[in-house]
Amino acid sequence: MSNIAKSTSPVAPVTTESKDWTKASTLELQSGSEDESDVLDAKAKERHRHKQVKREEKQCREEVERRAREEAEVRAREEVERAKVEAERKAREEAERQARKQAEKDRAEVQRRAAEVAARQKALAQEALKKRAKEELEAGPSGDRSDNAR
């Protein structure tokens, strides 16, 4: 009995029977390439899975960022609205303050004019009293105005 050489790579039965060495070597290469193709397929699947995981992580990150942007926009709009309401309130208060101030000025002006009119009326009344007193003095004790009657 002779020792048969053992090979680690499987040899197709055709190779031992075939007289064509190219055919035999092709079958051996093919059997080895099947193992390599399985490894390559596994690596390709792993790359695909890895890319898919990365894509999903990216989509998740983008979704989180999109939600954060939307929330920031909502907060910004709310802040703008609050600022607008506050500005309108302050403008109303300022308008009311200006209206009160103007009303006070108008009342003061009316009071000043009323005081001027009262002072003129008082001055006119005093002048009329002085004039009447002067006329009464000139007319004499009888009240006869002979000079003025003519």
Protein backbone atom coordinates (compact mmCIF):
# COMPACT_ATOMS: atom_id res chain seq x y z
CA MET A 1 0.00 0.00 0.00
CA SER A 2 1.25 3.24 -0.90
CA ASN A 3 0.69 6.40 1.00
CA ILE A 4 -1.70 8.75 -0.75
CA ALA A 5 -0.80 12.40 -0.50
CA LYS A 6 -3.47 14.34 1.29
CA SER A 7 -4.33 17.78 0.07
CA THR A 8 -6.09 20.51 2.05
CA SER A 9 -8.01 21.68 -0.96
CA PRO A 10 -10.74 19.45 -2.24
CA VAL A 11 -10.02 17.91 -5.57
CA ALA A 12 -12.83 17.03 -7.83
CA PRO A 13 -12.90 13.45 -8.99
CA VAL A 14 -12.70 14.70 -12.53
CA THR A 15 -9.24 16.10 -11.92
CA THR A 16 -7.69 12.75 -11.18
CA GLU A 17 -9.33 11.17 -14.15
CA SER A 18 -8.82 14.06 -16.53
CA LYS A 19 -5.81 14.09 -18.79
CA ASP A 20 -6.24 17.82 -19.44
CA TRP A 21 -4.20 19.67 -16.84
CA THR A 22 -5.83 23.02 -17.59
CA LYS A 23 -9.23 21.62 -16.90
CA ALA A 24 -8.01 20.12 -13.65
CA SER A 25 -6.32 23.31 -12.50
CA THR A 26 -9.39 25.34 -13.41
CA LEU A 27 -11.54 23.10 -11.26
CA GLU A 28 -9.10 23.45 -8.38
CA LEU A 29 -9.06 27.22 -8.80
CA GLN A 30 -12.80 27.26 -8.96
CA SER A 31 -13.13 25.24 -5.80
CA GLY A 32 -10.75 27.65 -4.05
CA SER A 33 -12.52 30.65 -5.50
CA GLU A 34 -15.81 29.38 -4.12
CA ASP A 35 -14.35 29.71 -0.65
CA GLU A 36 -13.03 33.13 -1.56
CA SER A 37 -16.36 34.15 -3.05
CA ASP A 38 -18.09 33.10 0.17
CA VAL A 39 -15.62 35.20 2.11
CA LEU A 40 -16.02 38.07 -0.35
CA ASP A 41 -19.80 37.74 -0.17
CA ALA A 42 -19.63 37.79 3.62
CA LYS A 43 -17.39 40.85 3.51
CA ALA A 44 -19.68 42.54 0.99
CA LYS A 45 -22.67 41.78 3.20
CA GLU A 46 -20.78 43.15 6.21
CA ARG A 47 -19.88 46.33 4.27
CA HIS A 48 -23.48 46.66 3.14
CA ARG A 49 -24.72 46.18 6.71
CA HIS A 50 -22.13 48.67 7.97
CA LYS A 51 -23.17 51.20 5.32
CA GLN A 52 -26.82 50.62 6.22
CA VAL A 53 -26.07 51.21 9.91
CA LYS A 54 -24.13 54.38 9.04
CA ARG A 55 -26.99 55.54 6.80
CA GLU A 56 -29.52 54.90 9.57
CA GLU A 57 -27.33 56.70 12.11
CA LYS A 58 -26.99 59.63 9.71
CA GLN A 59 -30.76 59.70 9.15
CA CYS A 60 -31.33 59.58 12.90
CA ARG A 61 -28.84 62.43 13.46
CA GLU A 62 -30.46 64.44 10.67
CA GLU A 63 -33.91 63.83 12.16
CA VAL A 64 -32.72 64.95 15.59
CA GLU A 65 -31.09 68.04 14.04
CA ARG A 66 -34.25 68.77 11.99
CA ARG A 67 -36.42 68.52 15.11
CA ALA A 68 -33.99 70.74 17.02
CA ARG A 69 -34.11 73.32 14.19
CA GLU A 70 -37.90 73.18 14.11
CA GLU A 71 -38.09 73.60 17.88
CA ALA A 72 -35.63 76.50 17.70
CA GLU A 73 -37.72 78.10 14.95
CA VAL A 74 -40.88 77.67 17.01
CA ARG A 75 -39.16 79.19 20.06
CA ALA A 76 -37.85 82.04 17.91
CA ARG A 77 -41.33 82.70 16.46
CA GLU A 78 -42.82 82.64 19.96
CA GLU A 79 -40.11 85.02 21.20
CA VAL A 80 -40.77 87.36 18.26
CA GLU A 81 -44.49 87.23 19.00
CA ARG A 82 -43.87 87.96 22.70
CA ALA A 83 -41.57 90.83 21.77
CA LYS A 84 -44.19 92.16 19.35
CA VAL A 85 -46.92 91.99 21.99
CA GLU A 86 -44.62 93.64 24.54
CA ALA A 87 -43.70 96.40 22.06
CA GLU A 88 -47.39 97.00 21.30
CA ARG A 89 -48.16 97.13 25.03
CA LYS A 90 -45.35 99.60 25.63
CA ALA A 91 -46.47 101.69 22.65
CA ARG A 92 -50.05 101.75 24.01
CA GLU A 93 -48.80 102.73 27.47
CA GLU A 94 -46.61 105.46 25.95
CA ALA A 95 -49.54 106.75 23.86
CA GLU A 96 -51.74 106.79 26.97
CA ARG A 97 -49.01 108.58 28.93
CA GLN A 98 -48.61 111.13 26.14
CA ALA A 99 -52.40 111.57 25.99
CA ARG A 100 -52.56 112.16 29.77
CA LYS A 101 -49.64 114.57 29.53
CA GLN A 102 -51.32 116.41 26.66
CA ALA A 103 -54.63 116.49 28.57
CA GLU A 104 -52.80 117.97 31.58
CA LYS A 105 -51.20 120.58 29.31
CA ASP A 106 -54.58 121.36 27.77
CA ARG A 107 -56.18 121.71 31.24
CA ALA A 108 -53.32 123.92 32.36
CA GLU A 109 -53.70 126.04 29.20
CA VAL A 110 -57.47 126.32 29.75
CA GLN A 111 -56.88 127.28 33.38
CA ARG A 112 -54.24 129.82 32.33
CA ARG A 113 -56.59 131.34 29.75
CA ALA A 114 -59.45 131.32 32.25
CA ALA A 115 -57.20 133.09 34.75
CA GLU A 116 -56.22 135.64 32.09
CA VAL A 117 -59.87 136.21 31.17
CA ALA A 118 -60.79 136.51 34.84
CA ALA A 119 -57.92 138.93 35.39
CA ARG A 120 -59.01 141.01 32.37
CA GLN A 121 -62.61 140.97 33.53
CA LYS A 122 -61.51 141.96 37.01
CA ALA A 123 -59.33 144.72 35.57
CA LEU A 124 -62.22 145.89 33.37
CA ALA A 125 -64.59 145.74 36.32
CA GLN A 126 -62.14 147.75 38.43
CA GLU A 127 -61.72 150.27 35.62
CA ALA A 128 -65.50 150.50 35.28
CA LEU A 129 -65.82 151.04 39.05
CA LYS A 130 -63.10 153.69 38.97
CA LYS A 131 -64.72 155.33 35.99
CA ARG A 132 -68.15 155.29 37.66
CA ALA A 133 -66.63 156.60 40.88
CA LYS A 134 -64.89 159.34 38.95
CA GLU A 135 -68.08 160.20 37.10
CA GLU A 136 -70.00 160.30 40.37
CA LEU A 137 -67.37 162.60 41.82
CA GLU A 138 -67.55 164.84 38.78
CA ALA A 139 -71.33 164.87 38.74
CA GLY A 140 -71.47 166.11 42.23
CA PRO A 141 -73.62 165.36 45.19
CA SER A 142 -76.93 165.75 43.36
CA GLY A 143 -76.09 163.32 40.68
CA ASP A 144 -76.79 165.96 38.01
CA ARG A 145 -74.52 165.97 35.09
CA SER A 146 -74.98 169.23 33.49
CA ASP A 147 -71.68 169.14 31.67
CA ASN A 148 -72.26 165.79 30.15
CA ALA A 149 -75.95 166.31 29.39
CA ARG A 150 -75.31 168.97 26.83
